[in-house]
Amino acid sequence: MKRALKIVGILASVVIVLLIGFVVFVQARGIPNYTVPTLTPQTVASTPTRVELGEKLVLASCADCHLNRATNSLSGHQLLDLTPDFGQVYSANITQDPNYGIGKWSDAELVTLLRTGIGRDGRYRVIMPSFSQMSDEDVSSIVAFLHSDNAMVKPDPTPTPQQAPSFLLKALTNTVMKPTPLPTAAVVAPAPTDALAYGRYLVVGRYKCYDCHSADFKTNNALEPEKSKGYMGGGNRLLNTQQQEVVTRNITGDSETGIGDWTEEQFAKSVKYGLSPNSPLAYPMPKYSALTDEEVHALFIYLQSVPKIQNATPEDKPAIALR
């Protein structure tokens, strides 16, 4: 008995030492830096079509975090819709300012950041989504827009405050939150005429719907999105800018707790204008008002094909009670 207790004591001591070591390591290392992935130097040709598409994608995927509403400039601000457990985190200035923005960044460095989350300085942009599944053309369009003469990206000398991540965020970035690798082959979007394949691309590549609408950011699989826990079944707990909890809805084809009983017209009003059949959609769900009818149709077709998950979320409950 004494021997067993001694062994337990030794094991407990080892665990405590390891935990203390981990805490010291995380505090000292902070948010990790990485070797910047090597990308063949490239120059993104700017065309009106690319700039137009780039603006649409930036407004859909970047503006909520980077747009300063007071100046209508992508100069960044504090992210108030993050859990306080993550500390104080700020989105970066991504205007063309050479000192405080991305004015000195090459096209290849911007592509690397969008693909992996790693900046030209090797710093991992921890909260920023990485667009590893986005097509080369879409990525090029974002870069073209960032280098355009649009007022949102004109040089703005607003410095980004020093990040103040919490221990929790530091620990997550040293364990489960990692950059994504650069693609090893060309990434081409399916033709819009193939609604099912194109819809999947919109969900996992262009708009990354699965990121919020699967069970939890920590269990999402950026390289194989369909393997994310609770893929498209909702339940991910987000915050609005008042720090109030907002639970993402189930958008699988389940007819009771998902969108299986929605018409395509109802779905269109929901994603474009935030008007779902049950209730208005709350921030942080964006309003994708620039979606084309082709995109809406493809999204609807694909979401109806996703394996159904029965998972009631708060905004469903009044509708379910009436059935």
C-alpha atoms as a PDB file:
ATOM      1  CA  MET A   1       0.000   0.000   0.000  1.00  0.00           C
ATOM      2  CA  LYS A   2       2.811   2.370   0.931  1.00  0.00           C
ATOM      3  CA  ARG A   3       4.566   1.526  -2.340  1.00  0.00           C
ATOM      4  CA  ALA A   4       1.412   2.322  -4.315  1.00  0.00           C
ATOM      5  CA  LEU A   5       0.966   5.640  -2.523  1.00  0.00           C
ATOM      6  CA  LYS A   6       4.612   6.467  -3.176  1.00  0.00           C
ATOM      7  CA  ILE A   7       4.174   5.778  -6.886  1.00  0.00           C
ATOM      8  CA  VAL A   8       1.028   7.925  -6.984  1.00  0.00           C
ATOM      9  CA  GLY A   9       2.901  10.711  -5.218  1.00  0.00           C
ATOM     10  CA  ILE A  10       5.775  10.520  -7.690  1.00  0.00           C
ATOM     11  CA  LEU A  11       3.403  10.585 -10.658  1.00  0.00           C
ATOM     12  CA  ALA A  12       1.517  13.540  -9.203  1.00  0.00           C
ATOM     13  CA  SER A  13       4.798  15.384  -8.688  1.00  0.00           C
ATOM     14  CA  VAL A  14       5.823  14.694 -12.289  1.00  0.00           C
ATOM     15  CA  VAL A  15       2.463  15.982 -13.570  1.00  0.00           C
ATOM     16  CA  ILE A  16       2.784  19.142 -11.476  1.00  0.00           C
ATOM     17  CA  VAL A  17       6.324  19.751 -12.723  1.00  0.00           C
ATOM     18  CA  LEU A  18       5.197  19.235 -16.328  1.00  0.00           C
ATOM     19  CA  LEU A  19       2.274  21.632 -15.872  1.00  0.00           C
ATOM     20  CA  ILE A  20       4.519  24.279 -14.336  1.00  0.00           C
ATOM     21  CA  GLY A  21       6.984  23.768 -17.188  1.00  0.00           C
ATOM     22  CA  PHE A  22       4.214  24.158 -19.748  1.00  0.00           C
ATOM     23  CA  VAL A  23       2.959  27.353 -18.117  1.00  0.00           C
ATOM     24  CA  VAL A  24       6.460  28.835 -18.016  1.00  0.00           C
ATOM     25  CA  PHE A  25       7.085  27.818 -21.648  1.00  0.00           C
ATOM     26  CA  VAL A  26       3.806  29.294 -22.905  1.00  0.00           C
ATOM     27  CA  GLN A  27       4.251  32.551 -20.998  1.00  0.00           C
ATOM     28  CA  ALA A  28       7.798  32.934 -22.310  1.00  0.00           C
ATOM     29  CA  ARG A  29       7.018  31.990 -25.914  1.00  0.00           C
ATOM     30  CA  GLY A  30       3.667  33.753 -26.257  1.00  0.00           C
ATOM     31  CA  ILE A  31       2.020  33.604 -29.698  1.00  0.00           C
ATOM     32  CA  PRO A  32       4.443  31.536 -31.788  1.00  0.00           C
ATOM     33  CA  ASN A  33       6.461  32.832 -34.697  1.00  0.00           C
ATOM     34  CA  TYR A  34       7.058  30.585 -37.691  1.00  0.00           C
ATOM     35  CA  THR A  35       9.434  30.395 -40.603  1.00  0.00           C
ATOM     36  CA  VAL A  36       7.683  32.194 -43.426  1.00  0.00           C
ATOM     37  CA  PRO A  37       6.676  29.604 -46.066  1.00  0.00           C
ATOM     38  CA  THR A  38       8.469  29.994 -49.354  1.00  0.00           C
ATOM     39  CA  LEU A  39       6.209  31.027 -52.200  1.00  0.00           C
ATOM     40  CA  THR A  40       7.420  31.577 -55.732  1.00  0.00           C
ATOM     41  CA  PRO A  41       7.612  35.351 -56.287  1.00  0.00           C
ATOM     42  CA  GLN A  42       4.556  36.465 -58.153  1.00  0.00           C
ATOM     43  CA  THR A  43       2.867  39.627 -59.277  1.00  0.00           C
ATOM     44  CA  VAL A  44      -0.902  39.684 -59.258  1.00  0.00           C
ATOM     45  CA  ALA A  45      -2.234  41.365 -62.383  1.00  0.00           C
ATOM     46  CA  SER A  46      -4.881  43.907 -61.486  1.00  0.00           C
ATOM     47  CA  THR A  47      -7.972  43.914 -63.685  1.00  0.00           C
ATOM     48  CA  PRO A  48     -11.339  45.617 -63.141  1.00  0.00           C
ATOM     49  CA  THR A  49     -12.950  42.178 -62.799  1.00  0.00           C
ATOM     50  CA  ARG A  50     -10.505  41.114 -60.108  1.00  0.00           C
ATOM     51  CA  VAL A  51     -10.798  44.374 -58.181  1.00  0.00           C
ATOM     52  CA  GLU A  52     -14.599  44.133 -58.262  1.00  0.00           C
ATOM     53  CA  LEU A  53     -14.570  40.539 -57.019  1.00  0.00           C
ATOM     54  CA  GLY A  54     -11.875  41.383 -54.461  1.00  0.00           C
ATOM     55  CA  GLU A  55     -14.020  44.160 -53.000  1.00  0.00           C
ATOM     56  CA  LYS A  56     -16.942  41.764 -52.694  1.00  0.00           C
ATOM     57  CA  LEU A  57     -14.795  39.165 -50.909  1.00  0.00           C
ATOM     58  CA  VAL A  58     -13.157  41.698 -48.600  1.00  0.00           C
ATOM     59  CA  LEU A  59     -16.536  43.120 -47.605  1.00  0.00           C
ATOM     60  CA  ALA A  60     -17.830  39.589 -46.981  1.00  0.00           C
ATOM     61  CA  SER A  61     -14.858  38.147 -45.109  1.00  0.00           C
ATOM     62  CA  CYS A  62     -12.505  40.909 -43.923  1.00  0.00           C
ATOM     63  CA  ALA A  63     -14.447  44.096 -43.261  1.00  0.00           C
ATOM     64  CA  ASP A  64     -16.234  42.958 -40.093  1.00  0.00           C
ATOM     65  CA  CYS A  65     -12.870  42.703 -38.351  1.00  0.00           C
ATOM     66  CA  HIS A  66     -10.700  45.263 -40.169  1.00  0.00           C
ATOM     67  CA  LEU A  67     -13.087  48.082 -41.099  1.00  0.00           C
ATOM     68  CA  ASN A  68     -13.063  51.151 -38.888  1.00  0.00           C
ATOM     69  CA  ARG A  69     -16.658  52.338 -39.268  1.00  0.00           C
ATOM     70  CA  ALA A  70     -15.794  55.883 -38.197  1.00  0.00           C
ATOM     71  CA  THR A  71     -13.336  56.404 -41.075  1.00  0.00           C
ATOM     72  CA  ASN A  72     -14.535  53.709 -43.520  1.00  0.00           C
ATOM     73  CA  SER A  73     -10.914  52.554 -43.692  1.00  0.00           C
ATOM     74  CA  LEU A  74      -9.490  49.057 -43.224  1.00  0.00           C
ATOM     75  CA  SER A  75      -7.221  50.382 -40.478  1.00  0.00           C
ATOM     76  CA  GLY A  76      -8.336  47.834 -37.864  1.00  0.00           C
ATOM     77  CA  HIS A  77      -9.710  48.091 -34.333  1.00  0.00           C
ATOM     78  CA  GLN A  78     -10.121  46.114 -31.134  1.00  0.00           C
ATOM     79  CA  LEU A  79     -12.073  42.890 -31.622  1.00  0.00           C
ATOM     80  CA  LEU A  80     -14.904  43.348 -29.141  1.00  0.00           C
ATOM     81  CA  ASP A  81     -16.733  40.189 -30.164  1.00  0.00           C
ATOM     82  CA  LEU A  82     -14.008  37.896 -28.821  1.00  0.00           C
ATOM     83  CA  THR A  83     -14.365  36.213 -25.474  1.00  0.00           C
ATOM     84  CA  PRO A  84     -12.607  38.239 -22.723  1.00  0.00           C
ATOM     85  CA  ASP A  85     -10.780  34.987 -21.925  1.00  0.00           C
ATOM     86  CA  PHE A  86      -8.632  35.687 -25.005  1.00  0.00           C
ATOM     87  CA  GLY A  87      -7.380  39.031 -23.696  1.00  0.00           C
ATOM     88  CA  GLN A  88      -7.232  42.188 -25.814  1.00  0.00           C
ATOM     89  CA  VAL A  89      -6.781  41.437 -29.492  1.00  0.00           C
ATOM     90  CA  TYR A  90      -6.740  43.922 -32.359  1.00  0.00           C
ATOM     91  CA  SER A  91      -7.257  43.495 -36.086  1.00  0.00           C
ATOM     92  CA  ALA A  92      -4.399  44.852 -38.167  1.00  0.00           C
ATOM     93  CA  ASN A  93      -4.224  47.915 -40.357  1.00  0.00           C
ATOM     94  CA  ILE A  94      -4.448  46.491 -43.896  1.00  0.00           C
ATOM     95  CA  THR A  95      -4.469  49.791 -45.760  1.00  0.00           C
ATOM     96  CA  GLN A  96      -1.611  50.703 -48.090  1.00  0.00           C
ATOM     97  CA  ASP A  97       0.217  52.735 -45.454  1.00  0.00           C
ATOM     98  CA  PRO A  98       3.923  51.748 -45.763  1.00  0.00           C
ATOM     99  CA  ASN A  99       4.668  51.972 -42.043  1.00  0.00           C
ATOM    100  CA  TYR A 100       1.500  50.868 -40.263  1.00  0.00           C
ATOM    101  CA  GLY A 101      -0.291  48.959 -43.002  1.00  0.00           C
ATOM    102  CA  ILE A 102       0.666  46.561 -45.797  1.00  0.00           C
ATOM    103  CA  GLY A 103       2.106  49.135 -48.197  1.00  0.00           C
ATOM    104  CA  LYS A 104       5.481  47.378 -48.292  1.00  0.00           C
ATOM    105  CA  TRP A 105       4.137  43.838 -48.567  1.00  0.00           C
ATOM    106  CA  SER A 106       4.728  41.953 -51.805  1.00  0.00           C
ATOM    107  CA  ASP A 107       1.935  40.079 -53.553  1.00  0.00           C
ATOM    108  CA  ALA A 108       3.527  36.771 -52.545  1.00  0.00           C
ATOM    109  CA  GLU A 109       3.626  37.830 -48.877  1.00  0.00           C
ATOM    110  CA  LEU A 110      -0.067  38.739 -48.974  1.00  0.00           C
ATOM    111  CA  VAL A 111      -0.955  35.430 -50.611  1.00  0.00           C
ATOM    112  CA  THR A 112       1.062  33.580 -47.952  1.00  0.00           C
ATOM    113  CA  LEU A 113      -0.758  35.443 -45.186  1.00  0.00           C
ATOM    114  CA  LEU A 114      -4.182  34.688 -46.659  1.00  0.00           C
ATOM    115  CA  ARG A 115      -3.334  31.032 -47.196  1.00  0.00           C
ATOM    116  CA  THR A 116      -1.487  30.241 -43.942  1.00  0.00           C
ATOM    117  CA  GLY A 117      -2.066  33.005 -41.403  1.00  0.00           C
ATOM    118  CA  ILE A 118       1.670  33.724 -41.230  1.00  0.00           C
ATOM    119  CA  GLY A 119       2.797  37.295 -41.892  1.00  0.00           C
ATOM    120  CA  ARG A 120       5.987  38.515 -43.544  1.00  0.00           C
ATOM    121  CA  ASP A 121       7.530  38.841 -40.059  1.00  0.00           C
ATOM    122  CA  GLY A 122       6.748  35.206 -39.228  1.00  0.00           C
ATOM    123  CA  ARG A 123       4.105  36.164 -36.676  1.00  0.00           C
ATOM    124  CA  TYR A 124       1.046  33.953 -36.627  1.00  0.00           C
ATOM    125  CA  ARG A 125      -2.154  35.992 -37.024  1.00  0.00           C
ATOM    126  CA  VAL A 126      -4.073  33.873 -34.585  1.00  0.00           C
ATOM    127  CA  ILE A 127      -7.672  35.128 -34.927  1.00  0.00           C
ATOM    128  CA  MET A 128      -7.539  35.709 -38.666  1.00  0.00           C
ATOM    129  CA  PRO A 129      -9.052  32.859 -40.699  1.00  0.00           C
ATOM    130  CA  SER A 130      -6.720  31.224 -43.209  1.00  0.00           C
ATOM    131  CA  PHE A 131      -8.174  30.739 -46.679  1.00  0.00           C
ATOM    132  CA  SER A 132      -6.445  27.477 -47.476  1.00  0.00           C
ATOM    133  CA  GLN A 133      -9.351  26.199 -49.623  1.00  0.00           C
ATOM    134  CA  MET A 134      -9.948  29.445 -51.535  1.00  0.00           C
ATOM    135  CA  SER A 135      -9.270  29.402 -55.272  1.00  0.00           C
ATOM    136  CA  ASP A 136      -6.139  31.049 -56.649  1.00  0.00           C
ATOM    137  CA  GLU A 137      -8.322  33.461 -58.616  1.00  0.00           C
ATOM    138  CA  ASP A 138     -10.259  34.544 -55.524  1.00  0.00           C
ATOM    139  CA  VAL A 139      -7.043  35.039 -53.540  1.00  0.00           C
ATOM    140  CA  SER A 140      -5.573  37.062 -56.410  1.00  0.00           C
ATOM    141  CA  SER A 141      -8.730  39.167 -56.503  1.00  0.00           C
ATOM    142  CA  ILE A 142      -8.380  40.040 -52.815  1.00  0.00           C
ATOM    143  CA  VAL A 143      -4.753  41.057 -53.376  1.00  0.00           C
ATOM    144  CA  ALA A 144      -5.757  43.146 -56.407  1.00  0.00           C
ATOM    145  CA  PHE A 145      -8.368  44.961 -54.345  1.00  0.00           C
ATOM    146  CA  LEU A 146      -5.936  45.633 -51.476  1.00  0.00           C
ATOM    147  CA  HIS A 147      -3.652  47.305 -54.030  1.00  0.00           C
ATOM    148  CA  SER A 148      -6.466  49.244 -55.715  1.00  0.00           C
ATOM    149  CA  ASP A 149      -7.400  52.922 -55.397  1.00  0.00           C
ATOM    150  CA  ASN A 150     -10.511  52.144 -53.323  1.00  0.00           C
ATOM    151  CA  ALA A 151     -10.958  54.564 -50.416  1.00  0.00           C
ATOM    152  CA  MET A 152     -11.036  51.725 -47.878  1.00  0.00           C
ATOM    153  CA  VAL A 153      -7.432  50.738 -48.618  1.00  0.00           C
ATOM    154  CA  LYS A 154      -5.826  54.137 -49.184  1.00  0.00           C
ATOM    155  CA  PRO A 155      -2.889  54.720 -46.813  1.00  0.00           C
ATOM    156  CA  ASP A 156      -4.066  55.339 -43.254  1.00  0.00           C
ATOM    157  CA  PRO A 157      -1.301  55.917 -40.664  1.00  0.00           C
ATOM    158  CA  THR A 158      -3.177  54.302 -37.787  1.00  0.00           C
ATOM    159  CA  PRO A 159      -0.881  52.055 -35.753  1.00  0.00           C
ATOM    160  CA  THR A 160      -2.171  48.703 -34.566  1.00  0.00           C
ATOM    161  CA  PRO A 161      -2.019  48.594 -30.751  1.00  0.00           C
ATOM    162  CA  GLN A 162       0.178  45.993 -29.089  1.00  0.00           C
ATOM    163  CA  GLN A 163      -1.673  42.687 -28.828  1.00  0.00           C
ATOM    164  CA  ALA A 164      -2.375  41.579 -25.260  1.00  0.00           C
ATOM    165  CA  PRO A 165      -3.297  37.897 -25.539  1.00  0.00           C
ATOM    166  CA  SER A 166      -4.330  35.992 -22.439  1.00  0.00           C
ATOM    167  CA  PHE A 167      -2.591  32.873 -21.207  1.00  0.00           C
ATOM    168  CA  LEU A 168      -5.476  30.826 -22.624  1.00  0.00           C
ATOM    169  CA  LEU A 169      -4.963  32.206 -26.129  1.00  0.00           C
ATOM    170  CA  LYS A 170      -1.202  31.695 -25.860  1.00  0.00           C
ATOM    171  CA  ALA A 171      -1.783  28.104 -24.714  1.00  0.00           C
ATOM    172  CA  LEU A 172      -4.192  27.391 -27.584  1.00  0.00           C
ATOM    173  CA  THR A 173      -1.750  28.737 -30.179  1.00  0.00           C
ATOM    174  CA  ASN A 174       0.958  26.507 -28.756  1.00  0.00           C
ATOM    175  CA  THR A 175      -1.263  23.414 -28.940  1.00  0.00           C
ATOM    176  CA  VAL A 176      -4.373  23.183 -31.149  1.00  0.00           C
ATOM    177  CA  MET A 177      -4.406  26.444 -33.137  1.00  0.00           C
ATOM    178  CA  LYS A 178      -1.871  26.222 -35.947  1.00  0.00           C
ATOM    179  CA  PRO A 179      -1.175  27.831 -39.328  1.00  0.00           C
ATOM    180  CA  THR A 180      -2.316  25.995 -42.443  1.00  0.00           C
ATOM    181  CA  PRO A 181       0.170  24.892 -45.127  1.00  0.00           C
ATOM    182  CA  LEU A 182       0.404  26.435 -48.563  1.00  0.00           C
ATOM    183  CA  PRO A 183      -1.416  24.440 -51.255  1.00  0.00           C
ATOM    184  CA  THR A 184       0.847  22.107 -53.190  1.00  0.00           C
ATOM    185  CA  ALA A 185      -1.132  22.453 -56.427  1.00  0.00           C
ATOM    186  CA  ALA A 186      -3.314  25.004 -58.163  1.00  0.00           C
ATOM    187  CA  VAL A 187      -6.643  25.640 -56.448  1.00  0.00           C
ATOM    188  CA  VAL A 188      -9.421  26.071 -58.997  1.00  0.00           C
ATOM    189  CA  ALA A 189     -13.070  26.751 -58.175  1.00  0.00           C
ATOM    190  CA  PRO A 190     -15.654  24.451 -59.788  1.00  0.00           C
ATOM    191  CA  ALA A 191     -17.799  25.905 -62.549  1.00  0.00           C
ATOM    192  CA  PRO A 192     -20.966  27.587 -61.240  1.00  0.00           C
ATOM    193  CA  THR A 193     -22.966  25.374 -63.578  1.00  0.00           C
ATOM    194  CA  ASP A 194     -22.142  22.443 -61.277  1.00  0.00           C
ATOM    195  CA  ALA A 195     -24.280  23.776 -58.436  1.00  0.00           C
ATOM    196  CA  LEU A 196     -23.411  21.039 -55.931  1.00  0.00           C
ATOM    197  CA  ALA A 197     -19.630  21.316 -56.351  1.00  0.00           C
ATOM    198  CA  TYR A 198     -19.766  25.097 -56.586  1.00  0.00           C
ATOM    199  CA  GLY A 199     -21.892  25.281 -53.437  1.00  0.00           C
ATOM    200  CA  ARG A 200     -19.349  23.212 -51.536  1.00  0.00           C
ATOM    201  CA  TYR A 201     -16.607  25.537 -52.734  1.00  0.00           C
ATOM    202  CA  LEU A 202     -18.516  28.577 -51.484  1.00  0.00           C
ATOM    203  CA  VAL A 203     -19.021  26.956 -48.072  1.00  0.00           C
ATOM    204  CA  VAL A 204     -15.466  25.717 -47.488  1.00  0.00           C
ATOM    205  CA  GLY A 205     -13.386  27.989 -49.719  1.00  0.00           C
ATOM    206  CA  ARG A 206     -14.828  31.384 -50.513  1.00  0.00           C
ATOM    207  CA  TYR A 207     -17.024  32.214 -47.504  1.00  0.00           C
ATOM    208  CA  LYS A 208     -15.914  29.576 -44.968  1.00  0.00           C
ATOM    209  CA  CYS A 209     -19.457  29.087 -43.634  1.00  0.00           C
ATOM    210  CA  TYR A 210     -18.401  25.871 -41.903  1.00  0.00           C
ATOM    211  CA  ASP A 211     -15.996  27.793 -39.671  1.00  0.00           C
ATOM    212  CA  CYS A 212     -18.815  29.296 -37.596  1.00  0.00           C
ATOM    213  CA  HIS A 213     -21.598  26.819 -38.321  1.00  0.00           C
ATOM    214  CA  SER A 214     -19.798  23.681 -37.142  1.00  0.00           C
ATOM    215  CA  ALA A 215     -19.657  22.727 -33.464  1.00  0.00           C
ATOM    216  CA  ASP A 216     -16.563  24.607 -32.310  1.00  0.00           C
ATOM    217  CA  PHE A 217     -13.634  26.534 -33.766  1.00  0.00           C
ATOM    218  CA  LYS A 218     -11.249  24.299 -31.787  1.00  0.00           C
ATOM    219  CA  THR A 219     -12.467  21.141 -33.542  1.00  0.00           C
ATOM    220  CA  ASN A 220     -12.702  22.532 -37.073  1.00  0.00           C
ATOM    221  CA  ASN A 221     -10.551  20.865 -39.705  1.00  0.00           C
ATOM    222  CA  ALA A 222      -9.222  23.484 -42.119  1.00  0.00           C
ATOM    223  CA  LEU A 223      -7.675  20.934 -44.483  1.00  0.00           C
ATOM    224  CA  GLU A 224     -10.651  18.551 -44.525  1.00  0.00           C
ATOM    225  CA  PRO A 225     -13.619  20.736 -43.521  1.00  0.00           C
ATOM    226  CA  GLU A 226     -16.196  17.933 -43.693  1.00  0.00           C
ATOM    227  CA  LYS A 227     -14.317  16.237 -40.843  1.00  0.00           C
ATOM    228  CA  SER A 228     -15.035  19.210 -38.557  1.00  0.00           C
ATOM    229  CA  LYS A 229     -17.074  18.142 -35.539  1.00  0.00           C
ATOM    230  CA  GLY A 230     -20.775  18.807 -36.125  1.00  0.00           C
ATOM    231  CA  TYR A 231     -20.139  19.964 -39.688  1.00  0.00           C
ATOM    232  CA  MET A 232     -22.718  22.670 -40.506  1.00  0.00           C
ATOM    233  CA  GLY A 233     -24.878  21.557 -37.563  1.00  0.00           C
ATOM    234  CA  GLY A 234     -24.420  24.793 -35.601  1.00  0.00           C
ATOM    235  CA  GLY A 235     -23.942  25.163 -31.871  1.00  0.00           C
ATOM    236  CA  ASN A 236     -20.705  27.170 -32.012  1.00  0.00           C
ATOM    237  CA  ARG A 237     -20.842  29.802 -29.267  1.00  0.00           C
ATOM    238  CA  LEU A 238     -19.909  33.279 -30.492  1.00  0.00           C
ATOM    239  CA  LEU A 239     -20.218  36.749 -28.977  1.00  0.00           C
ATOM    240  CA  ASN A 240     -21.634  39.979 -30.306  1.00  0.00           C
ATOM    241  CA  THR A 241     -19.967  43.332 -29.653  1.00  0.00           C
ATOM    242  CA  GLN A 242     -21.898  43.646 -26.368  1.00  0.00           C
ATOM    243  CA  GLN A 243     -20.292  40.392 -25.188  1.00  0.00           C
ATOM    244  CA  GLN A 244     -23.646  38.587 -25.374  1.00  0.00           C
ATOM    245  CA  GLU A 245     -23.577  34.952 -26.435  1.00  0.00           C
ATOM    246  CA  VAL A 246     -24.867  34.086 -29.890  1.00  0.00           C
ATOM    247  CA  VAL A 247     -25.155  30.419 -30.859  1.00  0.00           C
ATOM    248  CA  THR A 248     -24.745  29.600 -34.540  1.00  0.00           C
ATOM    249  CA  ARG A 249     -27.695  27.871 -36.151  1.00  0.00           C
ATOM    250  CA  ASN A 250     -27.929  24.435 -37.678  1.00  0.00           C
ATOM    251  CA  ILE A 251     -27.890  24.831 -41.472  1.00  0.00           C
ATOM    252  CA  THR A 252     -27.977  21.179 -42.442  1.00  0.00           C
ATOM    253  CA  GLY A 253     -31.075  19.845 -44.187  1.00  0.00           C
ATOM    254  CA  ASP A 254     -32.685  18.559 -40.990  1.00  0.00           C
ATOM    255  CA  SER A 255     -36.337  19.570 -41.309  1.00  0.00           C
ATOM    256  CA  GLU A 256     -36.936  20.040 -37.583  1.00  0.00           C
ATOM    257  CA  THR A 257     -33.821  21.845 -36.355  1.00  0.00           C
ATOM    258  CA  GLY A 258     -32.048  22.837 -39.574  1.00  0.00           C
ATOM    259  CA  ILE A 259     -33.153  24.371 -42.857  1.00  0.00           C
ATOM    260  CA  GLY A 260     -34.671  21.295 -44.428  1.00  0.00           C
ATOM    261  CA  ASP A 261     -38.133  22.898 -44.485  1.00  0.00           C
ATOM    262  CA  TRP A 262     -36.927  26.208 -45.947  1.00  0.00           C
ATOM    263  CA  THR A 263     -37.567  27.205 -49.528  1.00  0.00           C
ATOM    264  CA  GLU A 264     -34.744  28.582 -51.628  1.00  0.00           C
ATOM    265  CA  GLU A 265     -36.428  31.985 -51.518  1.00  0.00           C
ATOM    266  CA  GLN A 266     -36.467  31.912 -47.706  1.00  0.00           C
ATOM    267  CA  PHE A 267     -32.820  30.886 -47.674  1.00  0.00           C
ATOM    268  CA  ALA A 268     -31.945  33.763 -50.019  1.00  0.00           C
ATOM    269  CA  LYS A 269     -33.642  36.321 -47.753  1.00  0.00           C
ATOM    270  CA  SER A 270     -31.803  34.849 -44.790  1.00  0.00           C
ATOM    271  CA  VAL A 271     -28.244  34.957 -46.141  1.00  0.00           C
ATOM    272  CA  LYS A 272     -28.619  38.196 -48.103  1.00  0.00           C
ATOM    273  CA  TYR A 273     -30.732  40.275 -45.746  1.00  0.00           C
ATOM    274  CA  GLY A 274     -30.680  38.497 -42.382  1.00  0.00           C
ATOM    275  CA  LEU A 275     -34.406  37.674 -42.518  1.00  0.00           C
ATOM    276  CA  SER A 276     -34.898  34.017 -41.660  1.00  0.00           C
ATOM    277  CA  PRO A 277     -38.365  32.395 -41.606  1.00  0.00           C
ATOM    278  CA  ASN A 278     -38.228  32.246 -37.804  1.00  0.00           C
ATOM    279  CA  SER A 279     -36.560  35.470 -36.695  1.00  0.00           C
ATOM    280  CA  PRO A 280     -34.026  38.097 -37.761  1.00  0.00           C
ATOM    281  CA  LEU A 281     -30.471  36.800 -37.742  1.00  0.00           C
ATOM    282  CA  ALA A 282     -28.192  38.362 -35.157  1.00  0.00           C
ATOM    283  CA  TYR A 283     -24.626  39.650 -35.445  1.00  0.00           C
ATOM    284  CA  PRO A 284     -22.024  38.230 -35.943  1.00  0.00           C
ATOM    285  CA  MET A 285     -23.852  36.598 -38.861  1.00  0.00           C
ATOM    286  CA  PRO A 286     -22.990  38.870 -41.822  1.00  0.00           C
ATOM    287  CA  LYS A 287     -25.503  39.936 -44.441  1.00  0.00           C
ATOM    288  CA  TYR A 288     -24.159  38.693 -47.778  1.00  0.00           C
ATOM    289  CA  SER A 289     -26.135  41.194 -49.821  1.00  0.00           C
ATOM    290  CA  ALA A 290     -23.759  40.940 -52.797  1.00  0.00           C
ATOM    291  CA  LEU A 291     -24.406  37.228 -53.334  1.00  0.00           C
ATOM    292  CA  THR A 292     -25.523  36.431 -56.860  1.00  0.00           C
ATOM    293  CA  ASP A 293     -28.579  34.274 -57.551  1.00  0.00           C
ATOM    294  CA  GLU A 294     -26.125  31.660 -58.856  1.00  0.00           C
ATOM    295  CA  GLU A 295     -24.284  31.620 -55.534  1.00  0.00           C
ATOM    296  CA  VAL A 296     -27.478  31.464 -53.484  1.00  0.00           C
ATOM    297  CA  HIS A 297     -28.759  28.538 -55.541  1.00  0.00           C
ATOM    298  CA  ALA A 298     -25.453  26.651 -55.249  1.00  0.00           C
ATOM    299  CA  LEU A 299     -25.272  27.216 -51.484  1.00  0.00           C
ATOM    300  CA  PHE A 300     -28.844  26.009 -51.019  1.00  0.00           C
ATOM    301  CA  ILE A 301     -28.316  22.881 -53.135  1.00  0.00           C
ATOM    302  CA  TYR A 302     -25.096  21.985 -51.317  1.00  0.00           C
ATOM    303  CA  LEU A 303     -26.451  22.554 -47.808  1.00  0.00           C
ATOM    304  CA  GLN A 304     -29.405  20.297 -48.546  1.00  0.00           C
ATOM    305  CA  SER A 305     -26.913  17.562 -49.498  1.00  0.00           C
ATOM    306  CA  VAL A 306     -24.847  17.759 -46.291  1.00  0.00           C
ATOM    307  CA  PRO A 307     -25.464  14.904 -43.808  1.00  0.00           C
ATOM    308  CA  LYS A 308     -28.342  16.005 -41.603  1.00  0.00           C
ATOM    309  CA  ILE A 309     -27.701  16.758 -37.952  1.00  0.00           C
ATOM    310  CA  GLN A 310     -30.484  17.162 -35.414  1.00  0.00           C
ATOM    311  CA  ASN A 311     -29.325  20.011 -33.222  1.00  0.00           C
ATOM    312  CA  ALA A 312     -31.799  22.641 -32.061  1.00  0.00           C
ATOM    313  CA  THR A 313     -30.279  26.068 -31.450  1.00  0.00           C
ATOM    314  CA  PRO A 314     -31.931  28.875 -29.415  1.00  0.00           C
ATOM    315  CA  GLU A 315     -33.543  30.695 -32.329  1.00  0.00           C
ATOM    316  CA  ASP A 316     -35.244  27.457 -33.449  1.00  0.00           C
ATOM    317  CA  LYS A 317     -37.079  26.795 -30.210  1.00  0.00           C
ATOM    318  CA  PRO A 318     -40.087  29.084 -30.727  1.00  0.00           C
ATOM    319  CA  ALA A 319     -40.676  27.603 -34.190  1.00  0.00           C
ATOM    320  CA  ILE A 320     -40.342  24.024 -32.922  1.00  0.00           C
ATOM    321  CA  ALA A 321     -42.781  24.719 -30.090  1.00  0.00           C
ATOM    322  CA  LEU A 322     -45.431  25.778 -32.611  1.00  0.00           C
ATOM    323  CA  ARG A 323     -45.211  22.578 -34.609  1.00  0.00           C
END
